């Protein structure tokens, strides 16, 4: 993902990494909407 902003890219990566730990295996099932919700301060509970 190219954001043009280093801090925003790191925030996307950190949020995605946190969500990746909520699913079994090594493939992430997190959507962009879920990642952005975490970035916006949503709780860690995933709604699936």
PDB file of N, CA and C in Angstrom:
ATOM      1  N   UNK A   1       0.852  -1.164   0.000  1.00  0.00           N
ATOM      2  CA  UNK A   1       0.000   0.000   0.000  1.00  0.00           C
ATOM      3  C   UNK A   1       0.898   1.227   0.000  1.00  0.00           C
ATOM      4  N   UNK A   2       0.608   2.117  -0.881  1.00  0.00           N
ATOM      5  CA  UNK A   2       1.391   3.341  -0.954  1.00  0.00           C
ATOM      6  C   UNK A   2       0.568   4.498  -0.437  1.00  0.00           C
ATOM      7  N   UNK A   3       1.026   5.115   0.624  1.00  0.00           N
ATOM      8  CA  UNK A   3       0.282   6.230   1.212  1.00  0.00           C
ATOM      9  C   UNK A   3       0.956   7.564   0.976  1.00  0.00           C
ATOM     10  N   UNK A   4       2.246   7.542   0.712  1.00  0.00           N
ATOM     11  CA  UNK A   4       2.981   8.785   0.574  1.00  0.00           C
ATOM     12  C   UNK A   4       3.380   9.380   1.913  1.00  0.00           C
ATOM     13  N   UNK A   5       2.941   8.757   3.008  1.00  0.00           N
ATOM     14  CA  UNK A   5       3.251   9.244   4.351  1.00  0.00           C
ATOM     15  C   UNK A   5       3.779   8.072   5.173  1.00  0.00           C
ATOM     16  N   UNK A   6       5.008   8.196   5.631  1.00  0.00           N
ATOM     17  CA  UNK A   6       5.634   7.102   6.386  1.00  0.00           C
ATOM     18  C   UNK A   6       4.853   6.749   7.644  1.00  0.00           C
ATOM     19  N   UNK A   7       4.406   7.749   8.402  1.00  0.00           N
ATOM     20  CA  UNK A   7       3.687   7.473   9.646  1.00  0.00           C
ATOM     21  C   UNK A   7       2.374   6.731   9.372  1.00  0.00           C
ATOM     22  N   UNK A   8       1.662   7.136   8.329  1.00  0.00           N
ATOM     23  CA  UNK A   8       0.403   6.475   7.992  1.00  0.00           C
ATOM     24  C   UNK A   8       0.653   5.033   7.563  1.00  0.00           C
ATOM     25  N   UNK A   9       1.715   4.806   6.800  1.00  0.00           N
ATOM     26  CA  UNK A   9       2.055   3.448   6.364  1.00  0.00           C
ATOM     27  C   UNK A   9       2.364   2.554   7.562  1.00  0.00           C
ATOM     28  N   UNK A  10       3.093   3.086   8.534  1.00  0.00           N
ATOM     29  CA  UNK A  10       3.414   2.323   9.747  1.00  0.00           C
ATOM     30  C   UNK A  10       2.140   2.013  10.525  1.00  0.00           C
ATOM     31  N   UNK A  11       1.236   2.972  10.610  1.00  0.00           N
ATOM     32  CA  UNK A  11      -0.024   2.747  11.318  1.00  0.00           C
ATOM     33  C   UNK A  11      -0.855   1.664  10.641  1.00  0.00           C
ATOM     34  N   UNK A  12      -0.913   1.663   9.312  1.00  0.00           N
ATOM     35  CA  UNK A  12      -1.607   0.595   8.592  1.00  0.00           C
ATOM     36  C   UNK A  12      -0.961  -0.759   8.902  1.00  0.00           C
ATOM     37  N   UNK A  13       0.359  -0.801   8.865  1.00  0.00           N
ATOM     38  CA  UNK A  13       1.071  -2.053   9.127  1.00  0.00           C
ATOM     39  C   UNK A  13       0.843  -2.572  10.532  1.00  0.00           C
ATOM     40  N   UNK A  14       0.876  -1.685  11.499  1.00  0.00           N
ATOM     41  CA  UNK A  14       0.675  -2.096  12.895  1.00  0.00           C
ATOM     42  C   UNK A  14      -0.754  -2.590  13.113  1.00  0.00           C
ATOM     43  N   UNK A  15      -1.730  -1.872  12.566  1.00  0.00           N
ATOM     44  CA  UNK A  15      -3.130  -2.279  12.720  1.00  0.00           C
ATOM     45  C   UNK A  15      -3.378  -3.606  12.021  1.00  0.00           C
ATOM     46  N   UNK A  16      -2.822  -3.769  10.834  1.00  0.00           N
ATOM     47  CA  UNK A  16      -3.003  -5.028  10.109  1.00  0.00           C
ATOM     48  C   UNK A  16      -2.335  -6.177  10.846  1.00  0.00           C
ATOM     49  N   UNK A  17      -1.160  -5.939  11.386  1.00  0.00           N
ATOM     50  CA  UNK A  17      -0.461  -6.976  12.141  1.00  0.00           C
ATOM     51  C   UNK A  17      -1.253  -7.414  13.361  1.00  0.00           C
ATOM     52  N   UNK A  18      -1.859  -6.457  14.042  1.00  0.00           N
ATOM     53  CA  UNK A  18      -2.675  -6.797  15.209  1.00  0.00           C
ATOM     54  C   UNK A  18      -3.870  -7.647  14.800  1.00  0.00           C
ATOM     55  N   UNK A  19      -4.515  -7.285  13.702  1.00  0.00           N
ATOM     56  CA  UNK A  19      -5.660  -8.070  13.228  1.00  0.00           C
ATOM     57  C   UNK A  19      -5.236  -9.443  12.719  1.00  0.00           C
ATOM     58  N   UNK A  20      -4.057  -9.533  12.135  1.00  0.00           N
ATOM     59  CA  UNK A  20      -3.575 -10.817  11.624  1.00  0.00           C
ATOM     60  C   UNK A  20      -3.418 -11.841  12.749  1.00  0.00           C
ATOM     61  N   UNK A  21      -3.169 -11.358  13.953  1.00  0.00           N
ATOM     62  CA  UNK A  21      -3.015 -12.261  15.090  1.00  0.00           C
ATOM     63  C   UNK A  21      -4.354 -12.825  15.571  1.00  0.00           C
ATOM     64  N   UNK A  22      -5.463 -12.313  15.036  1.00  0.00           N
ATOM     65  CA  UNK A  22      -6.783 -12.782  15.453  1.00  0.00           C
ATOM     66  C   UNK A  22      -7.301 -13.924  14.588  1.00  0.00           C
ATOM     67  N   UNK A  23      -6.538 -14.303  13.552  1.00  0.00           N
ATOM     68  CA  UNK A  23      -6.974 -15.375  12.658  1.00  0.00           C
ATOM     69  C   UNK A  23      -5.950 -16.501  12.671  1.00  0.00           C
ATOM     70  N   UNK A  24      -6.402 -17.740  12.527  1.00  0.00           N
ATOM     71  CA  UNK A  24      -5.464 -18.857  12.504  1.00  0.00           C
ATOM     72  C   UNK A  24      -4.682 -18.898  11.188  1.00  0.00           C
ATOM     73  N   UNK A  25      -3.513 -19.481  11.245  1.00  0.00           N
ATOM     74  CA  UNK A  25      -2.704 -19.647  10.037  1.00  0.00           C
ATOM     75  C   UNK A  25      -1.858 -18.429   9.730  1.00  0.00           C
ATOM     76  N   UNK A  26      -1.289 -18.417   8.535  1.00  0.00           N
ATOM     77  CA  UNK A  26      -0.384 -17.333   8.165  1.00  0.00           C
ATOM     78  C   UNK A  26      -0.952 -16.423   7.081  1.00  0.00           C
ATOM     79  N   UNK A  27      -2.233 -16.531   6.803  1.00  0.00           N
ATOM     80  CA  UNK A  27      -2.882 -15.675   5.824  1.00  0.00           C
ATOM     81  C   UNK A  27      -3.854 -14.752   6.540  1.00  0.00           C
ATOM     82  N   UNK A  28      -3.721 -13.469   6.296  1.00  0.00           N
ATOM     83  CA  UNK A  28      -4.603 -12.501   6.935  1.00  0.00           C
ATOM     84  C   UNK A  28      -5.968 -12.500   6.261  1.00  0.00           C
ATOM     85  N   UNK A  29      -6.995 -12.347   7.093  1.00  0.00           N
ATOM     86  CA  UNK A  29      -8.354 -12.245   6.567  1.00  0.00           C
ATOM     87  C   UNK A  29      -8.917 -10.860   6.858  1.00  0.00           C
ATOM     88  N   UNK A  30      -8.076  -9.928   7.258  1.00  0.00           N
ATOM     89  CA  UNK A  30      -8.519  -8.577   7.610  1.00  0.00           C
ATOM     90  C   UNK A  30      -8.796  -7.765   6.354  1.00  0.00           C
ATOM     91  N   UNK A  31      -9.894  -7.027   6.393  1.00  0.00           N
ATOM     92  CA  UNK A  31     -10.228  -6.144   5.278  1.00  0.00           C
ATOM     93  C   UNK A  31      -9.658  -4.748   5.542  1.00  0.00           C
ATOM     94  N   UNK A  32      -9.611  -3.938   4.511  1.00  0.00           N
ATOM     95  CA  UNK A  32      -9.144  -2.559   4.670  1.00  0.00           C
ATOM     96  C   UNK A  32     -10.042  -1.826   5.660  1.00  0.00           C
ATOM     97  N   UNK A  33     -11.342  -2.071   5.604  1.00  0.00           N
ATOM     98  CA  UNK A  33     -12.264  -1.416   6.540  1.00  0.00           C
ATOM     99  C   UNK A  33     -11.939  -1.783   7.981  1.00  0.00           C
ATOM    100  N   UNK A  34     -11.606  -3.054   8.245  1.00  0.00           N
ATOM    101  CA  UNK A  34     -11.245  -3.482   9.597  1.00  0.00           C
ATOM    102  C   UNK A  34      -9.950  -2.813  10.047  1.00  0.00           C
ATOM    103  N   UNK A  35      -8.974  -2.757   9.154  1.00  0.00           N
ATOM    104  CA  UNK A  35      -7.688  -2.129   9.483  1.00  0.00           C
ATOM    105  C   UNK A  35      -7.905  -0.651   9.813  1.00  0.00           C
ATOM    106  N   UNK A  36      -8.676   0.037   8.978  1.00  0.00           N
ATOM    107  CA  UNK A  36      -8.903   1.454   9.205  1.00  0.00           C
ATOM    108  C   UNK A  36      -9.729   1.700  10.468  1.00  0.00           C
ATOM    109  N   UNK A  37     -10.618   0.772  10.827  1.00  0.00           N
ATOM    110  CA  UNK A  37     -11.369   0.906  12.069  1.00  0.00           C
ATOM    111  C   UNK A  37     -10.427   0.839  13.269  1.00  0.00           C
ATOM    112  N   UNK A  38      -9.470  -0.089  13.232  1.00  0.00           N
ATOM    113  CA  UNK A  38      -8.477  -0.188  14.309  1.00  0.00           C
ATOM    114  C   UNK A  38      -7.653   1.089  14.373  1.00  0.00           C
ATOM    115  N   UNK A  39      -7.273   1.610  13.229  1.00  0.00           N
ATOM    116  CA  UNK A  39      -6.490   2.855  13.181  1.00  0.00           C
ATOM    117  C   UNK A  39      -7.282   4.011  13.769  1.00  0.00           C
ATOM    118  N   UNK A  40      -8.598   3.961  13.637  1.00  0.00           N
ATOM    119  CA  UNK A  40      -9.449   5.027  14.143  1.00  0.00           C
ATOM    120  C   UNK A  40      -9.806   4.893  15.606  1.00  0.00           C
ATOM    121  N   UNK A  41      -9.301   3.849  16.252  1.00  0.00           N
ATOM    122  CA  UNK A  41      -9.535   3.685  17.669  1.00  0.00           C
ATOM    123  C   UNK A  41     -10.548   2.626  18.044  1.00  0.00           C
ATOM    124  N   UNK A  42     -11.007   1.851  17.068  1.00  0.00           N
ATOM    125  CA  UNK A  42     -11.959   0.777  17.372  1.00  0.00           C
ATOM    126  C   UNK A  42     -11.293  -0.256  18.268  1.00  0.00           C
ATOM    127  N   UNK A  43     -12.107  -0.990  18.990  1.00  0.00           N
ATOM    128  CA  UNK A  43     -11.594  -2.045  19.859  1.00  0.00           C
ATOM    129  C   UNK A  43     -10.988  -3.174  19.053  1.00  0.00           C
ATOM    130  N   UNK A  44     -10.312  -4.065  19.744  1.00  0.00           N
ATOM    131  CA  UNK A  44      -9.625  -5.163  19.084  1.00  0.00           C
ATOM    132  C   UNK A  44     -10.559  -6.319  18.719  1.00  0.00           C
ATOM    133  N   UNK A  45     -11.798  -6.266  19.175  1.00  0.00           N
ATOM    134  CA  UNK A  45     -12.733  -7.336  18.835  1.00  0.00           C
ATOM    135  C   UNK A  45     -13.118  -7.241  17.368  1.00  0.00           C
ATOM    136  N   UNK A  46     -12.939  -8.344  16.664  1.00  0.00           N
ATOM    137  CA  UNK A  46     -13.223  -8.383  15.237  1.00  0.00           C
ATOM    138  C   UNK A  46     -14.656  -8.827  15.032  1.00  0.00           C
ATOM    139  N   UNK A  47     -15.360  -8.146  14.171  1.00  0.00           N
ATOM    140  CA  UNK A  47     -16.753  -8.493  13.865  1.00  0.00           C
ATOM    141  C   UNK A  47     -16.774  -9.268  12.556  1.00  0.00           C
ATOM    142  N   UNK A  48     -16.892 -10.599  12.694  1.00  0.00           N
ATOM    143  CA  UNK A  48     -16.925 -11.432  11.491  1.00  0.00           C
ATOM    144  C   UNK A  48     -18.115 -12.310  11.535  1.00  0.00           C
TER     145      UNK A  48
END
